[in-house]
Amino acid sequence: MRTFNQVDFDRFAQLSGDDNPIHTDPDFSARTRFGQTVAHGLLLCSVLRGLVDRLLPGGRMLEQSVMFPAPTFADEPMQFSAELKQSASSEVELSLEVRRVNDGEITCQGHCKVAP
């Protein structure tokens, strides 16, 4: 479980160079359909990549596909998961998911293939 705050969003914006106001400006974001700042998609993918690496240490990412059906907001507990779906001799496929703890809504989902 992980809870991001606005400082996390701002630091990721500095690190990545993605300073889109939807991530960094609460006043701007309040006027959008989301009503508040939202996490960078790549911030979520970075946490998921770390989880994959814990499951398959030293694995090489071959492919990753994700979509973001709902926003991830600051100060909301999020559950990150990666589950083995299938394994071939040369690659492992995992399903990936980020889900709000409070209401169970999925905010990021997809899959990846990793060479062990």
Protein backbone atom coordinates (compact mmCIF):
# COMPACT_ATOMS: atom_id res chain seq x y z
CA MET A 1 0.00 0.00 0.00
CA ARG A 2 1.20 3.51 -0.78
CA THR A 3 -0.23 6.99 -0.26
CA PHE A 4 1.15 9.81 -2.41
CA ASN A 5 0.90 13.45 -1.41
CA GLN A 6 1.26 16.68 -3.36
CA VAL A 7 4.96 16.87 -2.48
CA ASP A 8 5.43 13.46 -4.17
CA PHE A 9 3.69 14.76 -7.32
CA ASP A 10 5.83 17.91 -7.29
CA ARG A 11 9.08 15.98 -6.81
CA PHE A 12 8.21 13.56 -9.61
CA ALA A 13 7.46 16.56 -11.84
CA GLN A 14 10.92 17.97 -11.08
CA LEU A 15 12.59 14.61 -11.69
CA SER A 16 10.72 13.80 -14.90
CA GLY A 17 10.36 17.31 -16.32
CA ASP A 18 6.59 16.76 -16.64
CA ASP A 19 5.24 19.83 -14.87
CA ASN A 20 1.76 19.69 -16.40
CA PRO A 21 -0.46 21.71 -14.03
CA ILE A 22 -2.91 18.80 -13.72
CA HIS A 23 -0.19 17.21 -11.55
CA THR A 24 1.34 20.24 -9.86
CA ASP A 25 -1.13 23.11 -9.58
CA PRO A 26 -4.03 22.59 -7.13
CA ASP A 27 -5.77 25.82 -8.23
CA PHE A 28 -5.65 24.86 -11.91
CA SER A 29 -6.66 21.26 -11.17
CA ALA A 30 -9.63 22.38 -9.09
CA ARG A 31 -11.14 23.77 -12.30
CA THR A 32 -10.74 20.49 -14.25
CA ARG A 33 -13.07 17.51 -14.40
CA PHE A 34 -10.90 15.84 -11.72
CA GLY A 35 -11.30 18.67 -9.21
CA GLN A 36 -7.79 18.17 -7.80
CA THR A 37 -4.27 17.19 -8.84
CA VAL A 38 -3.69 13.68 -10.12
CA ALA A 39 -0.65 11.42 -10.10
CA HIS A 40 1.60 11.13 -13.13
CA GLY A 41 0.95 7.87 -14.92
CA LEU A 42 4.68 7.20 -15.01
CA LEU A 43 4.88 7.64 -11.23
CA LEU A 44 2.41 4.77 -10.87
CA CYS A 45 4.29 2.71 -13.48
CA SER A 46 7.56 3.30 -11.62
CA VAL A 47 6.11 1.86 -8.43
CA LEU A 48 4.70 -1.09 -10.37
CA ARG A 49 8.11 -1.67 -11.99
CA GLY A 50 9.69 -1.79 -8.54
CA LEU A 51 7.10 -4.37 -7.50
CA VAL A 52 7.86 -6.48 -10.58
CA ASP A 53 11.56 -6.31 -9.75
CA ARG A 54 10.87 -7.60 -6.23
CA LEU A 55 8.94 -10.53 -7.71
CA LEU A 56 11.51 -11.25 -10.44
CA PRO A 57 14.84 -9.78 -9.25
CA GLY A 58 17.06 -8.80 -12.15
CA GLY A 59 14.32 -9.42 -14.71
CA ARG A 60 14.48 -7.43 -17.93
CA MET A 61 11.23 -5.69 -18.93
CA LEU A 62 10.33 -6.72 -22.47
CA GLU A 63 6.92 -5.10 -22.76
CA GLN A 64 4.51 -3.07 -20.66
CA SER A 65 1.01 -1.91 -21.47
CA VAL A 66 -1.12 0.13 -19.08
CA MET A 67 -4.26 2.24 -19.08
CA PHE A 68 -5.65 4.66 -16.55
CA PRO A 69 -9.42 4.21 -16.19
CA ALA A 70 -9.65 6.58 -13.19
CA PRO A 71 -7.42 9.22 -11.58
CA THR A 72 -5.10 8.64 -8.64
CA PHE A 73 -5.36 11.55 -6.21
CA ALA A 74 -3.04 12.78 -3.47
CA ASP A 75 -3.64 11.54 0.07
CA GLU A 76 -5.58 8.42 -0.98
CA PRO A 77 -4.20 5.02 0.05
CA MET A 78 -3.49 2.94 -3.05
CA GLN A 79 -2.88 -0.80 -3.35
CA PHE A 80 -0.30 -1.85 -5.96
CA SER A 81 -0.29 -5.45 -7.21
CA ALA A 82 1.46 -7.62 -9.77
CA GLU A 83 0.29 -11.18 -10.34
CA LEU A 84 1.89 -13.93 -12.40
CA LYS A 85 -0.39 -14.79 -15.33
CA GLN A 86 1.74 -17.15 -17.40
CA SER A 87 5.30 -18.24 -17.78
CA ALA A 88 7.20 -19.46 -20.79
CA SER A 89 10.82 -20.52 -20.75
CA SER A 90 11.95 -17.16 -22.09
CA GLU A 91 9.45 -14.75 -20.51
CA VAL A 92 7.01 -14.22 -17.67
CA GLU A 93 3.74 -12.30 -18.05
CA LEU A 94 2.23 -10.45 -15.10
CA SER A 95 -0.97 -8.49 -14.65
CA LEU A 96 -0.53 -5.07 -13.03
CA GLU A 97 -3.04 -3.07 -11.02
CA VAL A 98 -3.35 0.03 -8.88
CA ARG A 99 -6.55 0.21 -6.85
CA ARG A 100 -7.93 2.74 -4.39
CA VAL A 101 -8.13 1.19 -0.94
CA ASN A 102 -11.17 3.26 0.10
CA ASP A 103 -13.57 2.37 -2.72
CA GLY A 104 -11.74 -0.39 -4.65
CA GLU A 105 -11.73 1.56 -7.92
CA ILE A 106 -8.94 0.62 -10.32
CA THR A 107 -6.87 3.64 -11.38
CA CYS A 108 -4.19 1.84 -13.42
CA GLN A 109 -4.22 -1.61 -14.96
CA GLY A 110 -2.27 -3.52 -17.52
CA HIS A 111 0.30 -6.21 -18.04
CA CYS A 112 3.99 -6.67 -18.62
CA LYS A 113 6.34 -9.30 -19.97
CA VAL A 114 9.67 -9.87 -18.27
CA ALA A 115 12.66 -12.00 -19.21
CA PRO A 116 13.84 -13.71 -16.02
